[in-house]
Amino acid sequence: MSENLHIVCPHCDGINRVPQAKLDAGGNCGACHKPLFTSKPLSLNQTRFQRHLAKSDLPLLVDFWAEWCGPCKMMSPVFAQAATQLEPQMRLVKINSEQEQALSAQLNIRSIPTLLIFKQGREVARMSGALDLPQLLAWVRQNS
């Protein structure tokens, strides 16, 4: 299967075509020449989130969080560790719900942390509350 996937650069938000067979090899952005995968969650604002959602063929795992939230702070290192295991098959994204209140309202985020999985621009799964790494990975695999 030599299907090309559209991958949005985590640095410049440029759109890159990557053969699916070479996804695991990573690669660099054609525009900024930085790595397409960093094994770290991306912190995005609403504009950048919309671009990744609309233009990337990768599923997105999104963590809505806030600085003052205790469970969010417990979840943060787990989410970062998950990025090392789930990339490049999935892009992990963090959205600060305090800074992006309009996006949080648009997506009906009622509690934090809330995790969402998007495929082809549509939400396919949602979970509220902090998880440990095995729980998070199991939930992702069950829903992706």
N, C-alpha and C. Protein backbone atom coordinates (compact mmCIF):
# COMPACT_ATOMS: atom_id res chain seq x y z
N MET A 1 0.85 -1.18 0.00
CA MET A 1 0.00 0.00 0.00
C MET A 1 0.89 1.24 0.00
N SER A 2 0.81 2.05 -1.03
CA SER A 2 1.68 3.23 -1.12
C SER A 2 0.87 4.51 -1.03
N GLU A 3 -0.17 4.49 -0.26
CA GLU A 3 -1.01 5.67 -0.07
C GLU A 3 -0.22 6.76 0.65
N ASN A 4 -0.35 7.99 0.17
CA ASN A 4 0.29 9.12 0.84
C ASN A 4 -0.64 9.68 1.90
N LEU A 5 -0.06 10.01 3.04
CA LEU A 5 -0.81 10.64 4.12
C LEU A 5 -0.41 12.10 4.21
N HIS A 6 -1.37 12.95 4.52
CA HIS A 6 -1.07 14.35 4.77
C HIS A 6 -0.75 14.49 6.26
N ILE A 7 0.42 15.04 6.54
CA ILE A 7 0.89 15.23 7.90
C ILE A 7 1.17 16.72 8.09
N VAL A 8 0.56 17.31 9.12
CA VAL A 8 0.79 18.72 9.42
C VAL A 8 2.03 18.81 10.31
N CYS A 9 2.95 19.67 9.93
CA CYS A 9 4.19 19.85 10.68
C CYS A 9 3.89 20.41 12.08
N PRO A 10 4.51 19.84 13.11
CA PRO A 10 4.28 20.34 14.46
C PRO A 10 4.97 21.68 14.74
N HIS A 11 5.83 22.12 13.82
CA HIS A 11 6.58 23.35 14.02
C HIS A 11 6.00 24.52 13.23
N CYS A 12 5.80 24.33 11.92
CA CYS A 12 5.36 25.44 11.06
C CYS A 12 3.94 25.26 10.54
N ASP A 13 3.32 24.12 10.83
CA ASP A 13 1.97 23.78 10.38
C ASP A 13 1.87 23.61 8.87
N GLY A 14 3.01 23.43 8.21
CA GLY A 14 3.00 23.11 6.79
C GLY A 14 2.45 21.71 6.57
N ILE A 15 1.88 21.48 5.41
CA ILE A 15 1.29 20.18 5.10
C ILE A 15 2.28 19.39 4.25
N ASN A 16 2.55 18.17 4.70
CA ASN A 16 3.51 17.30 4.03
C ASN A 16 2.82 16.02 3.59
N ARG A 17 3.22 15.49 2.45
CA ARG A 17 2.74 14.17 2.01
C ARG A 17 3.81 13.15 2.34
N VAL A 18 3.40 12.13 3.09
CA VAL A 18 4.32 11.08 3.50
C VAL A 18 3.72 9.74 3.09
N PRO A 19 4.48 8.91 2.36
CA PRO A 19 3.96 7.58 2.04
C PRO A 19 3.65 6.81 3.33
N GLN A 20 2.50 6.20 3.39
CA GLN A 20 2.10 5.47 4.59
C GLN A 20 3.14 4.43 4.98
N ALA A 21 3.75 3.79 3.99
CA ALA A 21 4.76 2.77 4.26
C ALA A 21 6.00 3.35 4.94
N LYS A 22 6.22 4.66 4.80
CA LYS A 22 7.41 5.29 5.39
C LYS A 22 7.08 6.13 6.62
N LEU A 23 5.86 6.00 7.12
CA LEU A 23 5.45 6.80 8.27
C LEU A 23 6.34 6.56 9.48
N ASP A 24 6.69 5.32 9.74
CA ASP A 24 7.51 5.00 10.91
C ASP A 24 8.92 5.58 10.82
N ALA A 25 9.36 5.90 9.61
CA ALA A 25 10.69 6.49 9.44
C ALA A 25 10.71 7.97 9.82
N GLY A 26 9.52 8.55 10.00
CA GLY A 26 9.44 9.95 10.42
C GLY A 26 9.59 10.89 9.25
N GLY A 27 10.74 11.49 9.13
CA GLY A 27 10.99 12.44 8.05
C GLY A 27 10.93 13.86 8.56
N ASN A 28 11.30 14.76 7.68
CA ASN A 28 11.33 16.18 8.00
C ASN A 28 10.34 16.95 7.14
N CYS A 29 9.93 18.09 7.65
CA CYS A 29 8.99 18.96 6.94
C CYS A 29 9.67 19.52 5.69
N GLY A 30 8.93 19.54 4.60
CA GLY A 30 9.45 20.11 3.36
C GLY A 30 9.63 21.62 3.43
N ALA A 31 8.89 22.28 4.32
CA ALA A 31 8.97 23.74 4.42
C ALA A 31 10.05 24.20 5.42
N CYS A 32 9.99 23.71 6.65
CA CYS A 32 10.92 24.20 7.68
C CYS A 32 12.06 23.22 7.96
N HIS A 33 11.98 22.02 7.40
CA HIS A 33 13.03 20.99 7.51
C HIS A 33 13.23 20.43 8.92
N LYS A 34 12.27 20.69 9.81
CA LYS A 34 12.32 20.13 11.16
C LYS A 34 11.58 18.79 11.17
N PRO A 35 11.82 17.95 12.18
CA PRO A 35 11.18 16.63 12.23
C PRO A 35 9.66 16.72 12.28
N LEU A 36 9.00 15.81 11.53
CA LEU A 36 7.54 15.77 11.54
C LEU A 36 6.99 15.15 12.82
N PHE A 37 7.83 14.40 13.53
CA PHE A 37 7.40 13.78 14.77
C PHE A 37 8.43 14.05 15.86
N THR A 38 7.96 14.45 17.02
CA THR A 38 8.84 14.82 18.12
C THR A 38 8.68 13.91 19.33
N SER A 39 7.72 13.00 19.30
CA SER A 39 7.40 12.13 20.44
C SER A 39 7.01 12.93 21.67
N LYS A 40 6.44 14.13 21.43
CA LYS A 40 5.95 14.99 22.50
C LYS A 40 4.59 15.54 22.08
N PRO A 41 3.69 15.74 23.04
CA PRO A 41 2.41 16.37 22.70
C PRO A 41 2.62 17.81 22.23
N LEU A 42 1.77 18.23 21.30
CA LEU A 42 1.81 19.61 20.82
C LEU A 42 0.83 20.45 21.62
N SER A 43 1.25 21.63 22.03
CA SER A 43 0.34 22.59 22.65
C SER A 43 -0.18 23.49 21.54
N LEU A 44 -1.48 23.44 21.30
CA LEU A 44 -2.06 24.18 20.18
C LEU A 44 -3.12 25.16 20.65
N ASN A 45 -3.24 26.26 19.89
CA ASN A 45 -4.36 27.16 20.08
C ASN A 45 -5.47 26.74 19.11
N GLN A 46 -6.58 27.46 19.11
CA GLN A 46 -7.72 27.06 18.29
C GLN A 46 -7.39 27.04 16.80
N THR A 47 -6.69 28.05 16.32
CA THR A 47 -6.36 28.13 14.89
C THR A 47 -5.49 26.96 14.46
N ARG A 48 -4.45 26.69 15.22
CA ARG A 48 -3.55 25.59 14.88
C ARG A 48 -4.27 24.25 15.02
N PHE A 49 -5.11 24.11 16.05
CA PHE A 49 -5.87 22.87 16.24
C PHE A 49 -6.76 22.62 15.03
N GLN A 50 -7.45 23.65 14.56
CA GLN A 50 -8.35 23.49 13.41
C GLN A 50 -7.57 23.05 12.18
N ARG A 51 -6.36 23.57 12.00
CA ARG A 51 -5.54 23.17 10.85
C ARG A 51 -5.13 21.69 10.96
N HIS A 52 -4.68 21.28 12.12
CA HIS A 52 -4.29 19.88 12.31
C HIS A 52 -5.50 18.97 12.14
N LEU A 53 -6.64 19.38 12.65
CA LEU A 53 -7.86 18.58 12.56
C LEU A 53 -8.31 18.43 11.11
N ALA A 54 -8.27 19.51 10.36
CA ALA A 54 -8.80 19.51 9.00
C ALA A 54 -7.82 18.97 7.96
N LYS A 55 -6.53 19.14 8.19
CA LYS A 55 -5.55 18.87 7.13
C LYS A 55 -4.70 17.62 7.34
N SER A 56 -4.76 17.00 8.54
CA SER A 56 -3.92 15.84 8.80
C SER A 56 -4.72 14.56 8.65
N ASP A 57 -4.09 13.56 8.06
CA ASP A 57 -4.72 12.24 7.96
C ASP A 57 -4.50 11.39 9.20
N LEU A 58 -3.67 11.86 10.12
CA LEU A 58 -3.44 11.13 11.36
C LEU A 58 -4.59 11.35 12.34
N PRO A 59 -4.96 10.33 13.10
CA PRO A 59 -5.91 10.57 14.20
C PRO A 59 -5.27 11.51 15.21
N LEU A 60 -6.09 12.31 15.88
CA LEU A 60 -5.62 13.21 16.92
C LEU A 60 -6.13 12.73 18.27
N LEU A 61 -5.26 12.68 19.25
CA LEU A 61 -5.63 12.45 20.64
C LEU A 61 -5.44 13.78 21.35
N VAL A 62 -6.53 14.35 21.84
CA VAL A 62 -6.51 15.70 22.38
C VAL A 62 -6.78 15.67 23.88
N ASP A 63 -5.94 16.37 24.63
CA ASP A 63 -6.09 16.51 26.08
C ASP A 63 -6.48 17.96 26.38
N PHE A 64 -7.71 18.15 26.88
CA PHE A 64 -8.14 19.47 27.35
C PHE A 64 -7.79 19.54 28.84
N TRP A 65 -7.08 20.59 29.23
CA TRP A 65 -6.53 20.71 30.58
C TRP A 65 -6.52 22.17 31.00
N ALA A 66 -6.16 22.41 32.26
CA ALA A 66 -5.95 23.77 32.78
C ALA A 66 -4.84 23.73 33.82
N GLU A 67 -4.14 24.83 33.97
CA GLU A 67 -3.00 24.93 34.88
C GLU A 67 -3.39 24.66 36.33
N TRP A 68 -4.56 25.10 36.75
CA TRP A 68 -5.00 24.98 38.14
C TRP A 68 -5.55 23.60 38.49
N CYS A 69 -5.70 22.72 37.52
CA CYS A 69 -6.38 21.43 37.70
C CYS A 69 -5.41 20.36 38.20
N GLY A 70 -5.64 19.86 39.43
CA GLY A 70 -4.78 18.82 40.01
C GLY A 70 -4.74 17.54 39.18
N PRO A 71 -5.89 16.96 38.80
CA PRO A 71 -5.87 15.76 37.96
C PRO A 71 -5.18 15.99 36.61
N CYS A 72 -5.28 17.21 36.08
CA CYS A 72 -4.61 17.53 34.81
C CYS A 72 -3.09 17.45 35.00
N LYS A 73 -2.61 17.95 36.14
CA LYS A 73 -1.17 17.91 36.42
C LYS A 73 -0.69 16.47 36.57
N MET A 74 -1.54 15.61 37.16
CA MET A 74 -1.18 14.20 37.29
C MET A 74 -1.18 13.52 35.92
N MET A 75 -2.07 13.96 35.04
CA MET A 75 -2.22 13.35 33.72
C MET A 75 -1.12 13.79 32.75
N SER A 76 -0.56 14.95 32.96
CA SER A 76 0.40 15.52 32.00
C SER A 76 1.59 14.61 31.70
N PRO A 77 2.29 14.06 32.70
CA PRO A 77 3.42 13.18 32.36
C PRO A 77 2.98 11.87 31.70
N VAL A 78 1.79 11.41 32.04
CA VAL A 78 1.25 10.19 31.41
C VAL A 78 1.00 10.45 29.93
N PHE A 79 0.40 11.61 29.63
CA PHE A 79 0.11 11.98 28.25
C PHE A 79 1.41 12.14 27.46
N ALA A 80 2.42 12.75 28.09
CA ALA A 80 3.72 12.90 27.42
C ALA A 80 4.35 11.54 27.14
N GLN A 81 4.25 10.62 28.08
CA GLN A 81 4.80 9.29 27.89
C GLN A 81 4.05 8.54 26.79
N ALA A 82 2.74 8.76 26.71
CA ALA A 82 1.94 8.11 25.67
C ALA A 82 2.38 8.57 24.28
N ALA A 83 2.81 9.82 24.16
CA ALA A 83 3.26 10.34 22.86
C ALA A 83 4.44 9.53 22.33
N THR A 84 5.30 9.08 23.22
CA THR A 84 6.47 8.31 22.78
C THR A 84 6.05 6.95 22.24
N GLN A 85 4.88 6.45 22.64
CA GLN A 85 4.42 5.14 22.21
C GLN A 85 3.42 5.20 21.06
N LEU A 86 2.69 6.30 20.94
CA LEU A 86 1.62 6.37 19.94
C LEU A 86 2.04 7.06 18.64
N GLU A 87 3.03 7.94 18.70
CA GLU A 87 3.51 8.54 17.46
C GLU A 87 4.36 7.51 16.72
N PRO A 88 4.36 7.50 15.41
CA PRO A 88 3.76 8.42 14.46
C PRO A 88 2.36 8.00 13.97
N GLN A 89 1.75 7.03 14.61
CA GLN A 89 0.43 6.58 14.15
C GLN A 89 -0.68 7.53 14.56
N MET A 90 -0.39 8.42 15.50
CA MET A 90 -1.38 9.33 16.05
C MET A 90 -0.64 10.58 16.51
N ARG A 91 -1.29 11.73 16.40
CA ARG A 91 -0.71 12.99 16.88
C ARG A 91 -1.37 13.31 18.22
N LEU A 92 -0.56 13.61 19.26
CA LEU A 92 -1.09 13.98 20.56
C LEU A 92 -1.03 15.49 20.72
N VAL A 93 -2.15 16.05 21.20
CA VAL A 93 -2.33 17.49 21.25
C VAL A 93 -2.85 17.88 22.62
N LYS A 94 -2.33 18.98 23.16
CA LYS A 94 -2.83 19.55 24.41
C LYS A 94 -3.48 20.89 24.12
N ILE A 95 -4.66 21.10 24.69
CA ILE A 95 -5.39 22.36 24.56
C ILE A 95 -5.64 22.90 25.96
N ASN A 96 -5.15 24.10 26.24
CA ASN A 96 -5.40 24.75 27.52
C ASN A 96 -6.82 25.31 27.49
N SER A 97 -7.70 24.72 28.28
CA SER A 97 -9.12 25.09 28.23
C SER A 97 -9.37 26.50 28.75
N GLU A 98 -8.47 27.03 29.57
CA GLU A 98 -8.61 28.41 30.06
C GLU A 98 -8.28 29.41 28.95
N GLN A 99 -7.25 29.11 28.17
CA GLN A 99 -6.83 30.01 27.10
C GLN A 99 -7.70 29.85 25.86
N GLU A 100 -8.29 28.70 25.68
CA GLU A 100 -9.09 28.41 24.48
C GLU A 100 -10.53 28.11 24.87
N GLN A 101 -11.16 29.07 25.54
CA GLN A 101 -12.51 28.87 26.05
C GLN A 101 -13.54 28.69 24.94
N ALA A 102 -13.36 29.38 23.83
CA ALA A 102 -14.32 29.24 22.72
C ALA A 102 -14.26 27.83 22.14
N LEU A 103 -13.06 27.29 21.98
CA LEU A 103 -12.91 25.93 21.46
C LEU A 103 -13.48 24.92 22.46
N SER A 104 -13.21 25.13 23.74
CA SER A 104 -13.75 24.25 24.78
C SER A 104 -15.27 24.25 24.74
N ALA A 105 -15.86 25.41 24.58
CA ALA A 105 -17.32 25.51 24.51
C ALA A 105 -17.84 24.84 23.24
N GLN A 106 -17.16 25.08 22.12
CA GLN A 106 -17.57 24.50 20.84
C GLN A 106 -17.59 22.97 20.92
N LEU A 107 -16.62 22.39 21.62
CA LEU A 107 -16.52 20.94 21.73
C LEU A 107 -17.22 20.39 22.97
N ASN A 108 -17.93 21.28 23.68
CA ASN A 108 -18.75 20.87 24.82
C ASN A 108 -17.92 20.21 25.92
N ILE A 109 -16.76 20.81 26.21
CA ILE A 109 -15.90 20.31 27.29
C ILE A 109 -16.50 20.79 28.61
N ARG A 110 -16.93 19.86 29.45
CA ARG A 110 -17.60 20.19 30.71
C ARG A 110 -16.73 19.97 31.94
N SER A 111 -15.73 19.10 31.82
CA SER A 111 -14.82 18.84 32.93
C SER A 111 -13.45 18.57 32.35
N ILE A 112 -12.44 18.72 33.19
CA ILE A 112 -11.08 18.47 32.74
C ILE A 112 -10.38 17.60 33.77
N PRO A 113 -9.42 16.80 33.37
CA PRO A 113 -9.03 16.62 31.98
C PRO A 113 -10.08 15.84 31.19
N THR A 114 -10.21 16.20 29.93
CA THR A 114 -11.05 15.46 28.99
C THR A 114 -10.19 15.10 27.79
N LEU A 115 -10.24 13.84 27.42
CA LEU A 115 -9.52 13.33 26.25
C LEU A 115 -10.50 13.08 25.13
N LEU A 116 -10.13 13.46 23.92
CA LEU A 116 -10.94 13.21 22.74
C LEU A 116 -10.06 12.58 21.68
N ILE A 117 -10.64 11.66 20.91
CA ILE A 117 -9.97 11.10 19.74
C ILE A 117 -10.75 11.56 18.52
N PHE A 118 -10.02 12.13 17.56
CA PHE A 118 -10.61 12.56 16.29
C PHE A 118 -10.00 11.72 15.17
N LYS A 119 -10.86 11.27 14.26
CA LYS A 119 -10.41 10.59 13.04
C LYS A 119 -11.09 11.28 11.88
N GLN A 120 -10.30 11.62 10.88
CA GLN A 120 -10.81 12.28 9.67
C GLN A 120 -11.68 13.48 10.05
N GLY A 121 -11.23 14.23 11.07
CA GLY A 121 -11.90 15.46 11.45
C GLY A 121 -13.12 15.30 12.34
N ARG A 122 -13.48 14.05 12.68
CA ARG A 122 -14.67 13.83 13.51
C ARG A 122 -14.31 13.17 14.83
N GLU A 123 -15.01 13.59 15.88
CA GLU A 123 -14.80 12.99 17.19
C GLU A 123 -15.34 11.56 17.17
N VAL A 124 -14.50 10.62 17.63
CA VAL A 124 -14.93 9.22 17.68
C VAL A 124 -14.95 8.66 19.10
N ALA A 125 -14.31 9.36 20.05
CA ALA A 125 -14.31 8.88 21.43
C ALA A 125 -14.00 10.05 22.37
N ARG A 126 -14.51 9.91 23.62
CA ARG A 126 -14.32 10.94 24.64
C ARG A 126 -14.24 10.26 26.00
N MET A 127 -13.34 10.78 26.84
CA MET A 127 -13.18 10.25 28.20
C MET A 127 -12.81 11.41 29.11
N SER A 128 -13.47 11.52 30.24
CA SER A 128 -13.11 12.54 31.23
C SER A 128 -12.46 11.88 32.42
N GLY A 129 -11.48 12.58 33.00
CA GLY A 129 -10.78 12.08 34.17
C GLY A 129 -9.36 11.65 33.84
N ALA A 130 -8.54 11.63 34.86
CA ALA A 130 -7.14 11.25 34.70
C ALA A 130 -7.01 9.73 34.59
N LEU A 131 -6.09 9.29 33.76
CA LEU A 131 -5.82 7.87 33.56
C LEU A 131 -4.34 7.62 33.78
N ASP A 132 -3.99 6.38 34.15
CA ASP A 132 -2.57 6.03 34.15
C ASP A 132 -2.22 5.56 32.74
N LEU A 133 -0.95 5.31 32.49
CA LEU A 133 -0.50 4.98 31.13
C LEU A 133 -1.17 3.72 30.58
N PRO A 134 -1.22 2.60 31.32
CA PRO A 134 -1.89 1.42 30.75
C PRO A 134 -3.37 1.67 30.43
N GLN A 135 -4.06 2.42 31.28
CA GLN A 135 -5.47 2.74 31.02
C GLN A 135 -5.60 3.60 29.77
N LEU A 136 -4.74 4.60 29.65
CA LEU A 136 -4.79 5.50 28.49
C LEU A 136 -4.52 4.73 27.20
N LEU A 137 -3.46 3.92 27.19
CA LEU A 137 -3.13 3.17 25.98
C LEU A 137 -4.25 2.19 25.62
N ALA A 138 -4.84 1.53 26.62
CA ALA A 138 -5.93 0.60 26.35
C ALA A 138 -7.14 1.33 25.78
N TRP A 139 -7.46 2.50 26.33
CA TRP A 139 -8.60 3.29 25.84
C TRP A 139 -8.35 3.74 24.39
N VAL A 140 -7.13 4.19 24.11
CA VAL A 140 -6.80 4.63 22.74
C VAL A 140 -6.93 3.46 21.77
N ARG A 141 -6.37 2.33 22.12
CA ARG A 141 -6.41 1.17 21.21
C ARG A 141 -7.83 0.67 21.01
N GLN A 142 -8.65 0.76 22.03
CA GLN A 142 -10.05 0.34 21.93
C GLN A 142 -10.85 1.26 21.02
N ASN A 143 -10.44 2.54 20.92
CA ASN A 143 -11.22 3.54 20.20
C ASN A 143 -10.57 4.07 18.94
N SER A 144 -9.48 3.45 18.51
CA SER A 144 -8.86 3.99 17.28
C SER A 144 -8.67 2.90 16.25
